[in-house]
Amino acid sequence: MAGTTRWVLVVPVKRLASAKSRLASVAGEHRSDLALAFALDTVEAALAAPPVSAVVAVTDEPAAAQELAALGATVVPDQPDAGLNPALVHGTEAARATGPGLGVAVLSADLPALRPAELARALDDAAAHSSSFVRDAAGDGTTLLTAAPGTDLRPQFGPGSAQRHAASGAVELTGPSYPSLRRDVDTEADLLAAAALGLGRRSGTVAGRLGTGAGHYGRSVQDIDDPTGPVTRQATVRVFHPADASGSVLFDDGTEVPFDRYALRGSGVRLLRSGQRVRVETEGADADMRVLFLTIATLQDRR
């Protein structure tokens, strides 16, 4: 019955050096960071969707593998290294091994605006069919392909995949309630459209450095519908870990907020010291406050 199936999602993640090549002209040196941020925000949102039991990431990219595993994904190598669809078949085998009675689905890794609730609605709709798919916003691609428990998943990704998946017998899910699931990102126009929906925290942070107008749209999984915008103010570095460029800052009211390496993207900052004054862009409030961007405070800032 619809809505009762639990799912394991297979997410393919390319090597960062070759990922998102169509964004090279706008992303420049940030292209690899942007591709990684897309994948991490996608997987984080997927893991937060109630029908999702696990996520299996298929990748040979060491940097992505480490960070995806830290989020809670199971990471398997790209085998037999013969292209996307064979890699997905391999990932599906690993997904089936996670437990009996689970549906398996392939999810695109470039859905930086993905909302857990929208993915949950699509998976609940998919539970009514042996196989189904969601067409991307452009109309010819596929962002989600599902196979119910006991059904073989037959991925046919690539240009025109939506038509091929329909021809294979998969039912198209046409519900209007999951726009963020349809919004994959390959071009600058796609990125701006995803930003209008609300980018995930990492994607919003990197996109904000590109000068595309996509900045300041970043939202976390928890507060993606919160209209509160970013706030910039000064703080003091409490601790900094050079190994992974993470640490925490202390605001003048005594509030301590951690930050990760994405907060330094595009700042030019490589090292910080305890007690150093910094300018910090934050989002959220109280226990949900996050650091989006951090740079060294200038003399002008201190006036």
Protein backbone atom coordinates (compact mmCIF):
# COMPACT_ATOMS: atom_id res chain seq x y z
CA MET A 1 0.00 0.00 0.00
CA ALA A 2 1.23 3.52 -0.80
CA GLY A 3 3.16 5.23 1.95
CA THR A 4 4.26 2.07 3.78
CA THR A 5 7.46 1.20 1.88
CA ARG A 6 10.89 1.95 3.28
CA TRP A 7 13.59 2.86 0.77
CA VAL A 8 17.32 2.69 0.22
CA LEU A 9 18.53 5.41 -2.13
CA VAL A 10 21.47 5.03 -4.50
CA VAL A 11 23.23 8.33 -5.25
CA PRO A 12 26.00 8.41 -7.91
CA VAL A 13 28.70 11.02 -7.31
CA LYS A 14 31.19 11.80 -10.09
CA ARG A 15 34.85 12.57 -9.60
CA LEU A 16 34.92 16.27 -8.77
CA ALA A 17 37.43 17.14 -11.49
CA SER A 18 34.89 16.21 -14.18
CA ALA A 19 31.65 17.12 -12.41
CA LYS A 20 29.39 20.00 -13.46
CA SER A 21 31.45 20.96 -16.51
CA ARG A 22 28.61 23.13 -17.86
CA LEU A 23 28.98 25.36 -14.79
CA ALA A 24 32.68 25.99 -15.44
CA SER A 25 32.13 29.42 -16.99
CA VAL A 26 30.28 30.75 -13.95
CA ALA A 27 31.79 28.66 -11.13
CA GLY A 28 35.43 28.84 -12.23
CA GLU A 29 37.75 27.62 -9.48
CA HIS A 30 34.73 26.86 -7.29
CA ARG A 31 33.26 24.25 -9.65
CA SER A 32 34.50 21.22 -7.70
CA ASP A 33 33.42 22.77 -4.42
CA LEU A 34 29.99 23.44 -5.88
CA ALA A 35 29.60 19.88 -7.17
CA LEU A 36 30.60 18.47 -3.78
CA ALA A 37 28.24 20.83 -1.98
CA PHE A 38 25.37 19.73 -4.25
CA ALA A 39 26.02 16.08 -3.45
CA LEU A 40 26.33 16.64 0.30
CA ASP A 41 23.17 18.76 0.51
CA THR A 42 21.28 16.20 -1.59
CA VAL A 43 22.34 13.28 0.60
CA GLU A 44 21.69 15.19 3.82
CA ALA A 45 18.16 16.00 2.67
CA ALA A 46 17.59 12.40 1.56
CA LEU A 47 18.68 11.01 4.91
CA ALA A 48 16.23 13.36 6.62
CA ALA A 49 13.23 12.05 4.63
CA PRO A 50 11.16 9.69 6.85
CA PRO A 51 10.70 6.88 4.27
CA VAL A 52 14.47 6.65 3.66
CA SER A 53 16.18 3.83 5.52
CA ALA A 54 19.67 4.40 4.12
CA VAL A 55 21.64 6.08 1.35
CA VAL A 56 24.29 4.28 -0.69
CA ALA A 57 26.68 6.67 -2.43
CA VAL A 58 28.55 5.30 -5.44
CA THR A 59 31.79 7.19 -5.98
CA ASP A 60 35.51 6.92 -6.61
CA GLU A 61 36.11 10.47 -5.39
CA PRO A 62 38.06 10.31 -2.09
CA ALA A 63 37.02 13.75 -0.85
CA ALA A 64 33.36 13.06 -1.51
CA ALA A 65 33.55 9.56 -0.02
CA GLN A 66 34.89 10.86 3.27
CA GLU A 67 32.32 13.60 3.68
CA LEU A 68 29.39 11.47 2.52
CA ALA A 69 30.33 8.80 5.03
CA ALA A 70 30.47 11.46 7.75
CA LEU A 71 26.87 12.35 6.93
CA GLY A 72 25.83 8.73 7.43
CA ALA A 73 25.82 7.41 3.86
CA THR A 74 27.22 4.01 2.96
CA VAL A 75 29.93 4.56 0.35
CA VAL A 76 30.80 1.97 -2.30
CA PRO A 77 33.32 2.31 -5.17
CA ASP A 78 32.24 2.86 -8.76
CA GLN A 79 32.35 -0.65 -10.18
CA PRO A 80 32.84 -1.96 -12.76
CA ASP A 81 33.90 1.57 -13.80
CA ALA A 82 32.03 1.19 -17.08
CA GLY A 83 29.75 4.20 -16.98
CA LEU A 84 26.84 5.54 -14.97
CA ASN A 85 24.23 2.83 -15.44
CA PRO A 86 26.54 -0.13 -14.62
CA ALA A 87 27.67 1.81 -11.54
CA LEU A 88 24.04 2.20 -10.50
CA VAL A 89 23.39 -1.52 -10.91
CA HIS A 90 26.37 -2.15 -8.63
CA GLY A 91 25.01 0.40 -6.14
CA THR A 92 21.60 -1.24 -6.26
CA GLU A 93 23.14 -4.59 -5.30
CA ALA A 94 24.75 -2.92 -2.28
CA ALA A 95 21.46 -1.24 -1.43
CA ARG A 96 19.53 -4.53 -1.52
CA ALA A 97 22.08 -6.00 0.87
CA THR A 98 21.20 -3.45 3.56
CA GLY A 99 18.06 -5.36 4.50
CA PRO A 100 15.07 -7.32 3.20
CA GLY A 101 11.79 -5.80 2.13
CA LEU A 102 13.22 -2.44 1.11
CA GLY A 103 12.48 -0.53 -2.04
CA VAL A 104 15.45 0.80 -3.99
CA ALA A 105 15.64 4.14 -5.78
CA VAL A 106 18.27 6.09 -7.70
CA LEU A 107 18.46 9.76 -6.79
CA SER A 108 20.42 12.39 -8.71
CA ALA A 109 23.28 13.96 -6.77
CA ASP A 110 22.71 17.49 -8.06
CA LEU A 111 19.54 18.50 -6.23
CA PRO A 112 20.86 21.28 -3.96
CA ALA A 113 17.39 22.60 -3.09
CA LEU A 114 15.94 19.19 -2.21
CA ARG A 115 13.44 19.26 0.65
CA PRO A 116 13.05 16.07 2.70
CA ALA A 117 9.26 16.43 2.82
CA GLU A 118 9.01 16.61 -0.98
CA LEU A 119 11.20 13.55 -1.44
CA ALA A 120 9.07 11.75 1.14
CA ARG A 121 5.89 12.58 -0.78
CA ALA A 122 7.39 11.27 -4.03
CA LEU A 123 8.54 8.04 -2.39
CA ASP A 124 5.13 7.55 -0.81
CA ASP A 125 3.57 7.99 -4.27
CA ALA A 126 6.13 5.56 -5.71
CA ALA A 127 5.09 2.88 -3.24
CA ALA A 128 1.91 2.34 -5.28
CA HIS A 129 3.92 1.16 -8.32
CA SER A 130 6.43 -1.59 -9.03
CA SER A 131 8.61 0.99 -10.81
CA SER A 132 8.29 4.74 -11.22
CA PHE A 133 10.28 7.86 -12.02
CA VAL A 134 10.27 11.63 -11.62
CA ARG A 135 11.06 13.75 -14.67
CA ASP A 136 13.44 16.67 -14.21
CA ALA A 137 12.41 20.30 -14.64
CA ALA A 138 13.86 20.42 -18.17
CA GLY A 139 11.53 17.58 -19.18
CA ASP A 140 13.88 15.01 -20.70
CA GLY A 141 15.94 13.79 -17.74
CA THR A 142 15.22 11.75 -14.62
CA THR A 143 15.95 12.77 -11.04
CA LEU A 144 14.40 9.76 -9.25
CA LEU A 145 13.91 6.17 -10.42
CA THR A 146 12.31 3.67 -8.06
CA ALA A 147 11.84 -0.08 -7.83
CA ALA A 148 9.54 -1.59 -5.22
CA PRO A 149 10.70 -4.51 -3.04
CA GLY A 150 11.21 -7.58 -5.23
CA THR A 151 11.38 -5.52 -8.43
CA ASP A 152 14.55 -5.14 -10.49
CA LEU A 153 15.73 -1.59 -10.96
CA ARG A 154 16.64 -0.93 -14.60
CA PRO A 155 18.46 2.41 -14.83
CA GLN A 156 18.68 4.04 -18.24
CA PHE A 157 20.16 7.39 -17.33
CA GLY A 158 21.69 9.74 -19.86
CA PRO A 159 20.21 12.22 -22.37
CA GLY A 160 16.51 11.50 -22.90
CA SER A 161 16.31 9.13 -19.92
CA ALA A 162 12.75 10.10 -19.02
CA GLN A 163 11.44 8.71 -22.30
CA ARG A 164 13.46 5.53 -21.91
CA HIS A 165 12.29 4.96 -18.36
CA ALA A 166 8.68 5.44 -19.44
CA ALA A 167 9.19 3.02 -22.32
CA SER A 168 10.61 0.45 -19.90
CA GLY A 169 7.32 0.41 -18.01
CA ALA A 170 8.14 2.77 -15.16
CA VAL A 171 5.20 4.97 -14.16
CA GLU A 172 5.84 8.69 -14.25
CA LEU A 173 5.05 10.46 -10.97
CA THR A 174 3.44 13.75 -11.93
CA GLY A 175 2.46 15.13 -8.56
CA PRO A 176 2.96 18.92 -8.28
CA SER A 177 4.09 18.78 -4.66
CA TYR A 178 7.81 18.04 -5.15
CA PRO A 179 9.35 20.83 -7.26
CA SER A 180 12.70 20.69 -5.45
CA LEU A 181 13.03 17.03 -6.46
CA ARG A 182 12.75 18.01 -10.13
CA ARG A 183 15.28 20.84 -9.95
CA ASP A 184 18.64 19.36 -10.86
CA VAL A 185 21.40 21.83 -11.67
CA ASP A 186 23.59 21.78 -14.78
CA THR A 187 23.65 25.44 -15.87
CA GLU A 188 23.68 28.90 -14.33
CA ALA A 189 19.96 29.25 -15.07
CA ASP A 190 19.32 25.98 -13.23
CA LEU A 191 21.33 27.24 -10.26
CA LEU A 192 19.32 30.45 -10.06
CA ALA A 193 16.07 28.46 -10.26
CA ALA A 194 17.27 26.16 -7.47
CA ALA A 195 18.32 29.19 -5.41
CA ALA A 196 14.81 30.59 -5.72
CA LEU A 197 13.53 27.38 -4.10
CA GLY A 198 16.17 27.60 -1.35
CA LEU A 199 19.60 26.03 -1.60
CA GLY A 200 21.00 23.72 1.02
CA ARG A 201 23.49 25.21 3.46
CA ARG A 202 26.68 24.12 1.69
CA SER A 203 25.43 24.91 -1.81
CA GLY A 204 24.19 28.33 -0.71
CA THR A 205 27.54 29.13 0.85
CA VAL A 206 29.54 28.24 -2.26
CA ALA A 207 27.03 29.77 -4.67
CA GLY A 208 27.16 33.00 -2.72
CA ARG A 209 30.80 33.40 -3.77
CA LEU A 210 30.06 33.21 -7.51
CA GLY A 211 28.44 36.57 -8.14
CA THR A 212 25.47 34.93 -9.87
CA GLY A 213 22.71 36.27 -7.66
CA ALA A 214 22.34 32.84 -6.09
CA GLY A 215 23.88 33.93 -2.79
CA HIS A 216 21.91 34.44 0.40
CA TYR A 217 19.43 31.73 -0.52
CA GLY A 218 21.11 28.97 1.48
CA ARG A 219 18.87 27.01 3.84
CA SER A 220 19.55 24.00 6.02
CA VAL A 221 17.41 20.88 6.01
CA GLN A 222 15.88 21.98 9.31
CA ASP A 223 14.83 25.52 8.38
CA ILE A 224 14.50 25.44 4.61
CA ASP A 225 11.07 27.12 4.81
CA ASP A 226 12.23 29.81 7.27
CA PRO A 227 12.16 33.18 5.49
CA THR A 228 14.71 34.72 7.88
CA GLY A 229 17.63 36.10 5.90
CA PRO A 230 21.33 36.09 6.73
CA VAL A 231 22.77 38.54 9.30
CA THR A 232 26.32 39.91 9.26
CA ARG A 233 28.12 40.94 12.46
CA GLN A 234 31.46 40.65 14.21
CA ALA A 235 32.70 37.87 16.47
CA THR A 236 35.91 36.51 17.96
CA VAL A 237 37.54 33.23 16.98
CA ARG A 238 37.35 30.88 19.97
CA VAL A 239 39.04 27.85 18.38
CA PHE A 240 40.33 26.92 14.93
CA HIS A 241 41.40 23.50 13.64
CA PRO A 242 43.79 23.88 10.67
CA ALA A 243 43.46 20.21 9.69
CA ASP A 244 39.88 20.62 8.46
CA ALA A 245 39.43 24.43 8.63
CA SER A 246 36.65 24.12 11.21
CA GLY A 247 36.23 25.82 14.55
CA SER A 248 33.92 28.11 16.46
CA VAL A 249 33.35 31.82 16.99
CA LEU A 250 32.21 33.69 20.07
CA PHE A 251 29.79 36.57 19.64
CA ASP A 252 29.86 39.59 21.91
CA ASP A 253 26.77 38.37 23.77
CA GLY A 254 28.62 35.18 24.76
CA THR A 255 27.00 32.90 22.15
CA GLU A 256 29.37 30.32 20.69
CA VAL A 257 28.63 28.99 17.19
CA PRO A 258 30.64 26.33 15.31
CA PHE A 259 31.64 26.63 11.66
CA ASP A 260 32.93 24.18 9.05
CA ARG A 261 35.32 24.64 6.13
CA TYR A 262 32.51 25.82 3.84
CA ALA A 263 32.31 29.04 5.84
CA LEU A 264 35.77 30.01 4.53
CA ARG A 265 35.03 29.34 0.86
CA GLY A 266 35.94 32.41 -1.20
CA SER A 267 37.22 34.39 1.81
CA GLY A 268 40.91 33.99 1.05
CA VAL A 269 41.43 33.00 4.69
CA ARG A 270 43.66 29.98 5.31
CA LEU A 271 44.48 30.26 9.01
CA LEU A 272 42.79 31.83 12.02
CA ARG A 273 43.99 32.29 15.57
CA SER A 274 42.09 32.29 18.83
CA GLY A 275 41.04 35.81 19.81
CA GLN A 276 41.07 37.12 16.23
CA ARG A 277 38.20 39.41 15.26
CA VAL A 278 36.20 38.22 12.26
CA ARG A 279 33.18 39.29 10.26
CA VAL A 280 30.58 36.53 10.22
CA GLU A 281 27.44 35.97 8.17
CA THR A 282 24.96 33.80 10.05
CA GLU A 283 21.53 32.33 9.50
CA GLY A 284 18.98 31.12 12.03
CA ALA A 285 18.80 31.91 15.71
CA ASP A 286 19.65 30.47 19.09
CA ALA A 287 20.52 26.75 18.94
CA ASP A 288 19.81 26.68 15.18
CA MET A 289 22.27 29.44 14.29
CA ARG A 290 24.77 28.54 11.53
CA VAL A 291 27.80 30.34 10.11
CA LEU A 292 27.42 30.79 6.36
CA PHE A 293 30.52 32.88 5.67
CA LEU A 294 33.48 34.07 7.69
CA THR A 295 36.30 36.48 6.90
CA ILE A 296 38.76 38.62 8.83
CA ALA A 297 37.34 41.89 10.14
CA THR A 298 38.91 44.94 8.53
CA LEU A 299 39.66 48.30 10.10
CA GLN A 300 36.62 49.68 8.33
CA ASP A 301 34.48 46.97 9.94
CA ARG A 302 35.72 48.04 13.37
CA ARG A 303 34.71 51.69 13.02
